[in-house]
Amino acid sequence: MALIVTLAVIVTRKDVAYSLVLVWALVGIMSKQSESQTVVLTAAVGIAIILIAAATMVIGSRLKQ
């Protein structure tokens, strides 16, 4: 659910800082739940999706200028 909200914020508000806060939280979850491979994999996939979306938004906005 947090991933969906973050992607919506990236698309609608173009707020990269918000997405980086969620990446930070997911890294913390990964470090605390390192014994559970399912949690680590899910968090890693979420991080990748968020970073790709944020980078795409930043690059897209730079190209429009």
PDB file of N, CA and C in Angstrom:
ATOM      1  N   MET A   1       0.835  -1.191   0.000  1.00  0.00           N
ATOM      2  CA  MET A   1       0.000   0.000   0.000  1.00  0.00           C
ATOM      3  C   MET A   1       0.885   1.262   0.000  1.00  0.00           C
ATOM      4  N   ALA A   2       1.954   1.222   0.771  1.00  0.00           N
ATOM      5  CA  ALA A   2       2.852   2.383   0.826  1.00  0.00           C
ATOM      6  C   ALA A   2       3.488   2.645  -0.540  1.00  0.00           C
ATOM      7  N   LEU A   3       3.756   1.593  -1.278  1.00  0.00           N
ATOM      8  CA  LEU A   3       4.333   1.753  -2.615  1.00  0.00           C
ATOM      9  C   LEU A   3       3.356   2.474  -3.539  1.00  0.00           C
ATOM     10  N   ILE A   4       2.097   2.122  -3.484  1.00  0.00           N
ATOM     11  CA  ILE A   4       1.077   2.752  -4.326  1.00  0.00           C
ATOM     12  C   ILE A   4       0.937   4.236  -3.980  1.00  0.00           C
ATOM     13  N   VAL A   5       0.914   4.540  -2.696  1.00  0.00           N
ATOM     14  CA  VAL A   5       0.808   5.942  -2.264  1.00  0.00           C
ATOM     15  C   VAL A   5       2.036   6.724  -2.723  1.00  0.00           C
ATOM     16  N   THR A   6       3.209   6.144  -2.579  1.00  0.00           N
ATOM     17  CA  THR A   6       4.439   6.827  -2.974  1.00  0.00           C
ATOM     18  C   THR A   6       4.464   7.083  -4.479  1.00  0.00           C
ATOM     19  N   LEU A   7       4.060   6.102  -5.264  1.00  0.00           N
ATOM     20  CA  LEU A   7       4.021   6.301  -6.713  1.00  0.00           C
ATOM     21  C   LEU A   7       3.020   7.389  -7.083  1.00  0.00           C
ATOM     22  N   ALA A   8       1.901   7.441  -6.383  1.00  0.00           N
ATOM     23  CA  ALA A   8       0.919   8.494  -6.631  1.00  0.00           C
ATOM     24  C   ALA A   8       1.494   9.864  -6.302  1.00  0.00           C
ATOM     25  N   VAL A   9       2.243   9.973  -5.212  1.00  0.00           N
ATOM     26  CA  VAL A   9       2.866  11.256  -4.834  1.00  0.00           C
ATOM     27  C   VAL A   9       3.916  11.660  -5.868  1.00  0.00           C
ATOM     28  N   ILE A  10       4.683  10.693  -6.357  1.00  0.00           N
ATOM     29  CA  ILE A  10       5.693  11.005  -7.372  1.00  0.00           C
ATOM     30  C   ILE A  10       5.024  11.540  -8.632  1.00  0.00           C
ATOM     31  N   VAL A  11       3.955  10.890  -9.057  1.00  0.00           N
ATOM     32  CA  VAL A  11       3.291  11.274 -10.302  1.00  0.00           C
ATOM     33  C   VAL A  11       2.529  12.589 -10.154  1.00  0.00           C
ATOM     34  N   THR A  12       1.777  12.737  -9.071  1.00  0.00           N
ATOM     35  CA  THR A  12       0.915  13.915  -8.951  1.00  0.00           C
ATOM     36  C   THR A  12       1.636  15.147  -8.432  1.00  0.00           C
ATOM     37  N   ARG A  13       2.492  14.962  -7.453  1.00  0.00           N
ATOM     38  CA  ARG A  13       3.150  16.128  -6.829  1.00  0.00           C
ATOM     39  C   ARG A  13       4.601  16.307  -7.239  1.00  0.00           C
ATOM     40  N   LYS A  14       5.146  15.289  -7.899  1.00  0.00           N
ATOM     41  CA  LYS A  14       6.561  15.307  -8.314  1.00  0.00           C
ATOM     42  C   LYS A  14       7.487  15.565  -7.120  1.00  0.00           C
ATOM     43  N   ASP A  15       7.193  14.884  -6.021  1.00  0.00           N
ATOM     44  CA  ASP A  15       7.920  15.066  -4.760  1.00  0.00           C
ATOM     45  C   ASP A  15       8.918  13.926  -4.558  1.00  0.00           C
ATOM     46  N   VAL A  16      10.165  14.177  -4.950  1.00  0.00           N
ATOM     47  CA  VAL A  16      11.208  13.161  -4.834  1.00  0.00           C
ATOM     48  C   VAL A  16      11.596  12.956  -3.369  1.00  0.00           C
ATOM     49  N   ALA A  17      11.565  13.994  -2.575  1.00  0.00           N
ATOM     50  CA  ALA A  17      11.949  13.875  -1.164  1.00  0.00           C
ATOM     51  C   ALA A  17      11.050  12.886  -0.433  1.00  0.00           C
ATOM     52  N   TYR A  18       9.764  12.909  -0.707  1.00  0.00           N
ATOM     53  CA  TYR A  18       8.835  11.960  -0.080  1.00  0.00           C
ATOM     54  C   TYR A  18       9.221  10.529  -0.436  1.00  0.00           C
ATOM     55  N   SER A  19       9.567  10.312  -1.684  1.00  0.00           N
ATOM     56  CA  SER A  19       9.933   8.960  -2.103  1.00  0.00           C
ATOM     57  C   SER A  19      11.226   8.501  -1.443  1.00  0.00           C
ATOM     58  N   LEU A  20      12.155   9.412  -1.232  1.00  0.00           N
ATOM     59  CA  LEU A  20      13.412   9.036  -0.578  1.00  0.00           C
ATOM     60  C   LEU A  20      13.203   8.688   0.895  1.00  0.00           C
ATOM     61  N   VAL A  21      12.223   9.302   1.528  1.00  0.00           N
ATOM     62  CA  VAL A  21      11.893   8.956   2.908  1.00  0.00           C
ATOM     63  C   VAL A  21      11.387   7.520   2.969  1.00  0.00           C
ATOM     64  N   LEU A  22      10.566   7.129   2.025  1.00  0.00           N
ATOM     65  CA  LEU A  22      10.073   5.756   2.016  1.00  0.00           C
ATOM     66  C   LEU A  22      11.195   4.772   1.710  1.00  0.00           C
ATOM     67  N   VAL A  23      12.113   5.152   0.820  1.00  0.00           N
ATOM     68  CA  VAL A  23      13.277   4.292   0.561  1.00  0.00           C
ATOM     69  C   VAL A  23      14.067   4.094   1.843  1.00  0.00           C
ATOM     70  N   TRP A  24      14.264   5.163   2.580  1.00  0.00           N
ATOM     71  CA  TRP A  24      14.982   5.092   3.853  1.00  0.00           C
ATOM     72  C   TRP A  24      14.265   4.143   4.820  1.00  0.00           C
ATOM     73  N   ALA A  25      12.951   4.246   4.906  1.00  0.00           N
ATOM     74  CA  ALA A  25      12.175   3.366   5.780  1.00  0.00           C
ATOM     75  C   ALA A  25      12.293   1.911   5.332  1.00  0.00           C
ATOM     76  N   LEU A  26      12.245   1.666   4.038  1.00  0.00           N
ATOM     77  CA  LEU A  26      12.366   0.294   3.545  1.00  0.00           C
ATOM     78  C   LEU A  26      13.749  -0.290   3.806  1.00  0.00           C
ATOM     79  N   VAL A  27      14.781   0.534   3.725  1.00  0.00           N
ATOM     80  CA  VAL A  27      16.126   0.068   4.065  1.00  0.00           C
ATOM     81  C   VAL A  27      16.184  -0.315   5.547  1.00  0.00           C
ATOM     82  N   GLY A  28      15.547   0.474   6.394  1.00  0.00           N
ATOM     83  CA  GLY A  28      15.484   0.142   7.819  1.00  0.00           C
ATOM     84  C   GLY A  28      14.740  -1.160   8.062  1.00  0.00           C
ATOM     85  N   ILE A  29      13.655  -1.360   7.350  1.00  0.00           N
ATOM     86  CA  ILE A  29      12.914  -2.611   7.475  1.00  0.00           C
ATOM     87  C   ILE A  29      13.778  -3.781   7.022  1.00  0.00           C
ATOM     88  N   MET A  30      14.490  -3.596   5.933  1.00  0.00           N
ATOM     89  CA  MET A  30      15.376  -4.662   5.452  1.00  0.00           C
ATOM     90  C   MET A  30      16.438  -5.020   6.486  1.00  0.00           C
ATOM     91  N   SER A  31      17.000  -4.024   7.131  1.00  0.00           N
ATOM     92  CA  SER A  31      18.066  -4.298   8.097  1.00  0.00           C
ATOM     93  C   SER A  31      17.538  -4.975   9.362  1.00  0.00           C
ATOM     94  N   LYS A  32      16.354  -4.598   9.796  1.00  0.00           N
ATOM     95  CA  LYS A  32      15.778  -5.194  11.009  1.00  0.00           C
ATOM     96  C   LYS A  32      15.167  -6.568  10.758  1.00  0.00           C
ATOM     97  N   GLN A  33      14.732  -6.824   9.543  1.00  0.00           N
ATOM     98  CA  GLN A  33      14.078  -8.093   9.220  1.00  0.00           C
ATOM     99  C   GLN A  33      14.957  -8.956   8.309  1.00  0.00           C
ATOM    100  N   SER A  34      16.263  -8.854   8.458  1.00  0.00           N
ATOM    101  CA  SER A  34      17.181  -9.527   7.556  1.00  0.00           C
ATOM    102  C   SER A  34      17.063 -11.051   7.572  1.00  0.00           C
ATOM    103  N   GLU A  35      16.500 -11.618   8.620  1.00  0.00           N
ATOM    104  CA  GLU A  35      16.346 -13.077   8.667  1.00  0.00           C
ATOM    105  C   GLU A  35      15.173 -13.562   7.826  1.00  0.00           C
ATOM    106  N   SER A  36      14.279 -12.692   7.437  1.00  0.00           N
ATOM    107  CA  SER A  36      13.115 -13.062   6.625  1.00  0.00           C
ATOM    108  C   SER A  36      13.362 -12.651   5.176  1.00  0.00           C
ATOM    109  N   GLN A  37      13.674 -13.623   4.347  1.00  0.00           N
ATOM    110  CA  GLN A  37      13.993 -13.333   2.951  1.00  0.00           C
ATOM    111  C   GLN A  37      12.814 -12.743   2.187  1.00  0.00           C
ATOM    112  N   THR A  38      11.607 -13.107   2.556  1.00  0.00           N
ATOM    113  CA  THR A  38      10.420 -12.569   1.886  1.00  0.00           C
ATOM    114  C   THR A  38      10.304 -11.069   2.126  1.00  0.00           C
ATOM    115  N   VAL A  39      10.524 -10.649   3.363  1.00  0.00           N
ATOM    116  CA  VAL A  39      10.445  -9.223   3.697  1.00  0.00           C
ATOM    117  C   VAL A  39      11.562  -8.460   3.003  1.00  0.00           C
ATOM    118  N   VAL A  40      12.764  -9.018   3.017  1.00  0.00           N
ATOM    119  CA  VAL A  40      13.912  -8.354   2.387  1.00  0.00           C
ATOM    120  C   VAL A  40      13.684  -8.216   0.883  1.00  0.00           C
ATOM    121  N   LEU A  41      13.213  -9.272   0.244  1.00  0.00           N
ATOM    122  CA  LEU A  41      12.980  -9.216  -1.198  1.00  0.00           C
ATOM    123  C   LEU A  41      11.871  -8.219  -1.541  1.00  0.00           C
ATOM    124  N   THR A  42      10.808  -8.231  -0.781  1.00  0.00           N
ATOM    125  CA  THR A  42       9.705  -7.302  -1.025  1.00  0.00           C
ATOM    126  C   THR A  42      10.158  -5.857  -0.862  1.00  0.00           C
ATOM    127  N   ALA A  43      10.925  -5.583   0.176  1.00  0.00           N
ATOM    128  CA  ALA A  43      11.432  -4.227   0.395  1.00  0.00           C
ATOM    129  C   ALA A  43      12.391  -3.814  -0.720  1.00  0.00           C
ATOM    130  N   ALA A  44      13.238  -4.732  -1.156  1.00  0.00           N
ATOM    131  CA  ALA A  44      14.194  -4.420  -2.221  1.00  0.00           C
ATOM    132  C   ALA A  44      13.480  -4.113  -3.530  1.00  0.00           C
ATOM    133  N   VAL A  45      12.451  -4.874  -3.844  1.00  0.00           N
ATOM    134  CA  VAL A  45      11.676  -4.615  -5.060  1.00  0.00           C
ATOM    135  C   VAL A  45      10.976  -3.256  -4.948  1.00  0.00           C
ATOM    136  N   GLY A  46      10.430  -2.959  -3.781  1.00  0.00           N
ATOM    137  CA  GLY A  46       9.794  -1.659  -3.561  1.00  0.00           C
ATOM    138  C   GLY A  46      10.770  -0.512  -3.740  1.00  0.00           C
ATOM    139  N   ILE A  47      11.963  -0.675  -3.196  1.00  0.00           N
ATOM    140  CA  ILE A  47      12.997   0.355  -3.347  1.00  0.00           C
ATOM    141  C   ILE A  47      13.331   0.562  -4.819  1.00  0.00           C
ATOM    142  N   ALA A  48      13.510  -0.528  -5.544  1.00  0.00           N
ATOM    143  CA  ALA A  48      13.854  -0.414  -6.964  1.00  0.00           C
ATOM    144  C   ALA A  48      12.755   0.304  -7.744  1.00  0.00           C
ATOM    145  N   ILE A  49      11.511  -0.050  -7.491  1.00  0.00           N
ATOM    146  CA  ILE A  49      10.392   0.577  -8.202  1.00  0.00           C
ATOM    147  C   ILE A  49      10.324   2.075  -7.890  1.00  0.00           C
ATOM    148  N   ILE A  50      10.491   2.430  -6.621  1.00  0.00           N
ATOM    149  CA  ILE A  50      10.426   3.833  -6.225  1.00  0.00           C
ATOM    150  C   ILE A  50      11.566   4.632  -6.851  1.00  0.00           C
ATOM    151  N   LEU A  51      12.778   4.082  -6.817  1.00  0.00           N
ATOM    152  CA  LEU A  51      13.917   4.809  -7.383  1.00  0.00           C
ATOM    153  C   LEU A  51      13.791   4.971  -8.889  1.00  0.00           C
ATOM    154  N   ILE A  52      13.287   3.946  -9.564  1.00  0.00           N
ATOM    155  CA  ILE A  52      13.084   4.053 -11.012  1.00  0.00           C
ATOM    156  C   ILE A  52      12.025   5.111 -11.322  1.00  0.00           C
ATOM    157  N   ALA A  53      10.934   5.108 -10.575  1.00  0.00           N
ATOM    158  CA  ALA A  53       9.876   6.102 -10.802  1.00  0.00           C
ATOM    159  C   ALA A  53      10.374   7.515 -10.525  1.00  0.00           C
ATOM    160  N   ALA A  54      11.118   7.693  -9.449  1.00  0.00           N
ATOM    161  CA  ALA A  54      11.639   9.023  -9.110  1.00  0.00           C
ATOM    162  C   ALA A  54      12.642   9.492 -10.159  1.00  0.00           C
ATOM    163  N   ALA A  55      13.521   8.601 -10.595  1.00  0.00           N
ATOM    164  CA  ALA A  55      14.509   8.972 -11.611  1.00  0.00           C
ATOM    165  C   ALA A  55      13.820   9.316 -12.929  1.00  0.00           C
ATOM    166  N   THR A  56      12.812   8.556 -13.290  1.00  0.00           N
ATOM    167  CA  THR A  56      12.066   8.828 -14.516  1.00  0.00           C
ATOM    168  C   THR A  56      11.387  10.191 -14.446  1.00  0.00           C
ATOM    169  N   MET A  57      10.833  10.511 -13.295  1.00  0.00           N
ATOM    170  CA  MET A  57      10.172  11.797 -13.120  1.00  0.00           C
ATOM    171  C   MET A  57      11.184  12.946 -13.215  1.00  0.00           C
ATOM    172  N   VAL A  58      12.322  12.796 -12.579  1.00  0.00           N
ATOM    173  CA  VAL A  58      13.344  13.853 -12.608  1.00  0.00           C
ATOM    174  C   VAL A  58      13.881  14.033 -14.024  1.00  0.00           C
ATOM    175  N   ILE A  59      14.201  12.944 -14.690  1.00  0.00           N
ATOM    176  CA  ILE A  59      14.736  13.026 -16.054  1.00  0.00           C
ATOM    177  C   ILE A  59      13.689  13.607 -16.998  1.00  0.00           C
ATOM    178  N   GLY A  60      12.438  13.174 -16.848  1.00  0.00           N
ATOM    179  CA  GLY A  60      11.356  13.698 -17.688  1.00  0.00           C
ATOM    180  C   GLY A  60      11.144  15.185 -17.501  1.00  0.00           C
ATOM    181  N   SER A  61      11.223  15.655 -16.264  1.00  0.00           N
ATOM    182  CA  SER A  61      11.020  17.087 -16.024  1.00  0.00           C
ATOM    183  C   SER A  61      12.202  17.905 -16.538  1.00  0.00           C
ATOM    184  N   ARG A  62      13.393  17.335 -16.505  1.00  0.00           N
ATOM    185  CA  ARG A  62      14.562  18.051 -17.037  1.00  0.00           C
ATOM    186  C   ARG A  62      14.517  18.150 -18.552  1.00  0.00           C
ATOM    187  N   LEU A  63      14.007  17.101 -19.199  1.00  0.00           N
ATOM    188  CA  LEU A  63      13.929  17.119 -20.650  1.00  0.00           C
ATOM    189  C   LEU A  63      12.893  18.100 -21.160  1.00  0.00           C
ATOM    190  N   LYS A  64      11.845  18.356 -20.345  1.00  0.00           N
ATOM    191  CA  LYS A  64      10.794  19.292 -20.743  1.00  0.00           C
ATOM    192  C   LYS A  64      11.268  20.738 -20.701  1.00  0.00           C
ATOM    193  N   GLN A  65      12.329  20.999 -19.963  1.00  0.00           N
ATOM    194  CA  GLN A  65      12.810  22.383 -19.818  1.00  0.00           C
ATOM    195  C   GLN A  65      13.616  22.812 -20.977  1.00  0.00           C
TER     196      GLN A  65
END
